[in-house]
Amino acid sequence: MLSSGGVPVFNLAPNLTVSRLCLGTMTFGEQNTLTESFHLLDEAFHAGINFFDSAEMYPVPQRAETCGLSEEYLGRWIKHRNIPRDRLVIATKVAGPSGQMTWIRDGPKSLDATNIIQAIDNSLLRMQLDYIDLYQIHWPDRYVPMFGETEYDPDRQYSSISIDEQLEALSRAVKAGKIRYIGLSNETPYGLMKFIQVAQKFDSYLKIVSLQ
């Protein structure tokens, strides 16, 4: 199946049809100005791409002065172009624990329910949206080798928030109409299977629909 612009589309989840190509916004607000970002979004949309991905920590390299601009630019584009919301699939991500980005929720220190809900509300505000189609955990709330690391160091393990609490908070956000589906990012095969396993135990918990 093709979009109106010729890009193939598929059903990522029930009632969630996305283009095979997704435009990331990681550079919006740092390498790309607002005008350049609008141009890139226009070109992608007119080519048939309906799937756009951001994150609360973007753009990168991450700085306090620019944090959140990628989401803000995406939201301003949607509003300025007056694009019907149901023609777009908007994805964004909540940052996992980090001692470096102190400007994000004072840390962020964990992915507990309070932090997840606060991050969702902040993203909705920045993008001027009523809901997010796909909400993703940017990286796990536990030690895993990431971002170029290849060796596991058991000494770096720490006490982490349970997957149950994370899924419960995300499921609560769906019931509140703030998000529609959930996904993972920078996750391991073990982590993905644990999220699936926990979700299968409770009918009220959401199932993971994507891994980035």
Protein backbone atom coordinates (compact mmCIF):
# COMPACT_ATOMS: atom_id res chain seq x y z
CA MET A 1 0.00 0.00 0.00
CA LEU A 2 1.25 3.49 -0.89
CA SER A 3 0.60 6.90 0.59
CA SER A 4 -0.69 9.73 -1.59
CA GLY A 5 2.93 10.75 -2.18
CA GLY A 6 4.09 7.28 -3.16
CA VAL A 7 5.83 6.22 0.09
CA PRO A 8 4.82 2.70 1.21
CA VAL A 9 2.67 2.55 4.34
CA PHE A 10 1.84 -0.27 6.76
CA ASN A 11 -0.14 -0.87 9.94
CA LEU A 12 2.21 -0.56 12.90
CA ALA A 13 -0.71 -1.28 15.23
CA PRO A 14 -4.52 -1.31 15.00
CA ASN A 15 -5.65 2.06 13.60
CA LEU A 16 -2.04 3.23 13.35
CA THR A 17 -1.01 3.38 9.69
CA VAL A 18 2.48 4.79 9.21
CA SER A 19 4.73 5.49 6.26
CA ARG A 20 7.70 3.14 5.87
CA LEU A 21 9.91 6.20 6.19
CA CYS A 22 9.86 8.21 9.41
CA LEU A 23 11.44 11.67 9.63
CA GLY A 24 13.50 12.20 12.76
CA THR A 25 13.84 15.68 14.24
CA MET A 26 17.00 15.24 16.30
CA THR A 27 18.76 18.18 14.63
CA PHE A 28 15.87 20.67 14.76
CA GLY A 29 16.92 23.61 16.94
CA GLU A 30 20.67 22.91 16.73
CA GLN A 31 21.95 22.10 13.24
CA ASN A 32 18.65 23.19 11.66
CA THR A 33 16.92 26.54 12.13
CA LEU A 34 13.16 26.86 12.41
CA THR A 35 12.93 27.81 8.72
CA GLU A 36 15.08 24.86 7.66
CA SER A 37 13.08 22.51 9.88
CA PHE A 38 9.81 23.67 8.31
CA HIS A 39 11.28 23.09 4.85
CA LEU A 40 12.37 19.54 5.73
CA LEU A 41 8.98 18.76 7.25
CA ASP A 42 7.19 20.17 4.20
CA GLU A 43 9.28 18.10 1.80
CA ALA A 44 8.72 14.93 3.80
CA PHE A 45 4.98 15.46 4.17
CA HIS A 46 4.45 16.26 0.48
CA ALA A 47 6.47 13.14 -0.43
CA GLY A 48 3.97 11.00 1.49
CA ILE A 49 5.66 10.67 4.88
CA ASN A 50 3.16 10.90 7.74
CA PHE A 51 5.42 9.61 10.55
CA PHE A 52 7.54 12.07 12.57
CA ASP A 53 9.73 11.25 15.56
CA SER A 54 11.12 13.49 18.29
CA ALA A 55 12.23 13.32 21.95
CA GLU A 56 12.06 15.53 25.00
CA MET A 57 15.88 15.81 25.12
CA TYR A 58 16.31 16.84 21.45
CA PRO A 59 18.12 18.48 19.74
CA VAL A 60 21.60 17.02 20.03
CA PRO A 61 24.23 17.79 21.08
CA GLN A 62 22.01 18.32 24.10
CA ARG A 63 22.14 21.68 25.91
CA ALA A 64 19.89 23.36 28.42
CA GLU A 65 19.44 26.32 26.08
CA THR A 66 18.03 24.23 23.23
CA CYS A 67 16.33 21.35 25.08
CA GLY A 68 12.81 20.77 23.77
CA LEU A 69 13.20 22.84 20.61
CA SER A 70 12.79 19.82 18.32
CA GLU A 71 9.36 19.07 19.77
CA GLU A 72 8.49 22.77 19.74
CA TYR A 73 9.44 23.17 16.06
CA LEU A 74 7.41 20.09 15.11
CA GLY A 75 4.37 21.40 16.94
CA ARG A 76 4.72 24.87 15.46
CA TRP A 77 4.89 23.34 11.97
CA ILE A 78 1.68 21.35 12.51
CA LYS A 79 -0.13 24.42 13.77
CA HIS A 80 1.29 26.84 11.17
CA ARG A 81 0.49 24.52 8.25
CA ASN A 82 -2.93 23.74 9.73
CA ILE A 83 -2.50 20.02 9.01
CA PRO A 84 -5.40 17.81 10.19
CA ARG A 85 -4.15 15.87 13.20
CA ASP A 86 -5.41 12.54 11.88
CA ARG A 87 -3.10 12.84 8.86
CA LEU A 88 -0.01 12.65 11.07
CA VAL A 89 1.57 10.05 13.32
CA ILE A 90 3.60 11.85 15.98
CA ALA A 91 6.14 9.94 18.06
CA THR A 92 8.33 11.22 20.86
CA LYS A 93 10.34 9.83 23.76
CA VAL A 94 10.85 10.17 27.50
CA ALA A 95 14.49 10.39 28.63
CA GLY A 96 15.76 7.66 30.92
CA PRO A 97 17.96 8.26 33.96
CA SER A 98 20.86 10.64 33.33
CA GLY A 99 23.16 12.53 35.65
CA GLN A 100 24.28 14.78 32.82
CA MET A 101 21.06 16.45 31.64
CA THR A 102 20.15 18.17 34.90
CA TRP A 103 17.82 20.54 33.05
CA ILE A 104 15.36 17.72 32.30
CA ARG A 105 13.16 17.06 35.33
CA ASP A 106 16.12 17.68 37.69
CA GLY A 107 18.10 14.78 36.32
CA PRO A 108 16.18 12.88 35.11
CA LYS A 109 16.67 10.53 38.04
CA SER A 110 14.31 7.70 37.11
CA LEU A 111 11.41 6.49 34.99
CA ASP A 112 8.95 6.29 37.85
CA ALA A 113 5.29 7.10 37.29
CA THR A 114 5.66 10.74 38.33
CA ASN A 115 8.51 11.39 35.89
CA ILE A 116 6.78 9.61 33.00
CA ILE A 117 3.52 11.54 33.40
CA GLN A 118 5.38 14.84 33.82
CA ALA A 119 7.41 14.17 30.67
CA ILE A 120 4.26 13.37 28.67
CA ASP A 121 2.55 16.56 29.84
CA ASN A 122 5.62 18.65 29.01
CA SER A 123 5.89 17.16 25.51
CA LEU A 124 2.21 17.79 24.81
CA LEU A 125 2.64 21.40 25.92
CA ARG A 126 5.72 21.97 23.75
CA MET A 127 4.09 20.46 20.66
CA GLN A 128 0.70 22.09 21.36
CA LEU A 129 -1.00 18.71 20.88
CA ASP A 130 -3.84 16.93 22.63
CA TYR A 131 -2.27 13.49 22.27
CA ILE A 132 0.86 11.63 21.13
CA ASP A 133 0.44 8.67 18.78
CA LEU A 134 3.54 6.70 19.80
CA TYR A 135 5.31 7.32 23.10
CA GLN A 136 8.67 5.62 23.61
CA ILE A 137 11.12 5.05 26.45
CA HIS A 138 14.32 6.59 25.06
CA TRP A 139 16.63 4.28 27.00
CA PRO A 140 16.11 1.79 29.85
CA ASP A 141 15.85 2.58 33.53
CA ARG A 142 18.63 0.12 34.32
CA TYR A 143 22.26 -0.25 33.33
CA VAL A 144 22.81 -1.49 29.78
CA PRO A 145 25.74 -0.77 27.43
CA MET A 146 24.55 2.01 25.12
CA PHE A 147 25.66 4.68 22.66
CA GLY A 148 28.77 2.90 21.41
CA GLU A 149 29.50 0.72 24.45
CA THR A 150 29.86 -2.97 23.65
CA GLU A 151 30.97 -4.60 26.92
CA TYR A 152 28.68 -5.22 29.90
CA ASP A 153 30.09 -4.06 33.24
CA PRO A 154 28.20 -5.71 36.15
CA ASP A 155 29.68 -3.19 38.61
CA ARG A 156 27.59 -0.45 36.99
CA GLN A 157 24.23 -2.00 37.86
CA TYR A 158 21.90 0.11 40.00
CA SER A 159 18.47 -0.12 41.59
CA SER A 160 15.93 0.66 38.88
CA ILE A 161 12.21 1.34 38.54
CA SER A 162 10.24 -1.82 37.83
CA ILE A 163 8.83 -2.48 34.38
CA ASP A 164 5.46 -2.92 36.09
CA GLU A 165 5.49 0.68 37.30
CA GLN A 166 6.58 1.99 33.91
CA LEU A 167 3.86 0.08 32.06
CA GLU A 168 1.23 1.06 34.62
CA ALA A 169 2.05 4.76 34.18
CA LEU A 170 2.04 4.51 30.39
CA SER A 171 -1.25 2.60 30.41
CA ARG A 172 -2.75 5.26 32.67
CA ALA A 173 -1.70 7.92 30.16
CA VAL A 174 -3.49 6.02 27.39
CA LYS A 175 -6.69 5.85 29.44
CA ALA A 176 -6.38 9.61 29.98
CA GLY A 177 -6.17 10.14 26.21
CA LYS A 178 -2.64 11.56 26.32
CA ILE A 179 -0.94 8.82 24.28
CA ARG A 180 -2.18 6.04 21.99
CA TYR A 181 0.60 3.43 21.77
CA ILE A 182 3.97 2.75 23.39
CA GLY A 183 7.38 1.68 22.14
CA LEU A 184 10.98 1.23 23.25
CA SER A 185 14.29 2.67 22.11
CA ASN A 186 17.92 1.60 22.72
CA GLU A 187 16.57 -1.54 24.38
CA THR A 188 18.12 -5.01 24.48
CA PRO A 189 16.44 -8.26 23.37
CA TYR A 190 16.21 -9.18 27.07
CA GLY A 191 14.54 -5.87 27.91
CA LEU A 192 12.06 -6.16 25.06
CA MET A 193 11.06 -9.65 26.14
CA LYS A 194 10.64 -8.53 29.77
CA PHE A 195 8.28 -5.73 28.70
CA ILE A 196 6.29 -8.23 26.64
CA GLN A 197 6.24 -10.73 29.51
CA VAL A 198 5.03 -8.21 32.09
CA ALA A 199 2.36 -6.82 29.73
CA GLN A 200 1.00 -10.33 29.15
CA LYS A 201 0.34 -10.77 32.87
CA PHE A 202 -2.08 -7.84 33.09
CA ASP A 203 -4.88 -7.14 30.64
CA SER A 204 -4.81 -3.45 31.58
CA TYR A 205 -1.17 -3.01 30.51
CA LEU A 206 -0.26 -1.83 27.03
CA LYS A 207 1.68 -3.98 24.60
CA ILE A 208 4.89 -2.71 23.01
CA VAL A 209 4.30 -1.96 19.30
CA SER A 210 7.76 -0.73 18.24
CA LEU A 211 11.48 -0.85 18.98
CA GLN A 212 13.73 1.93 17.72
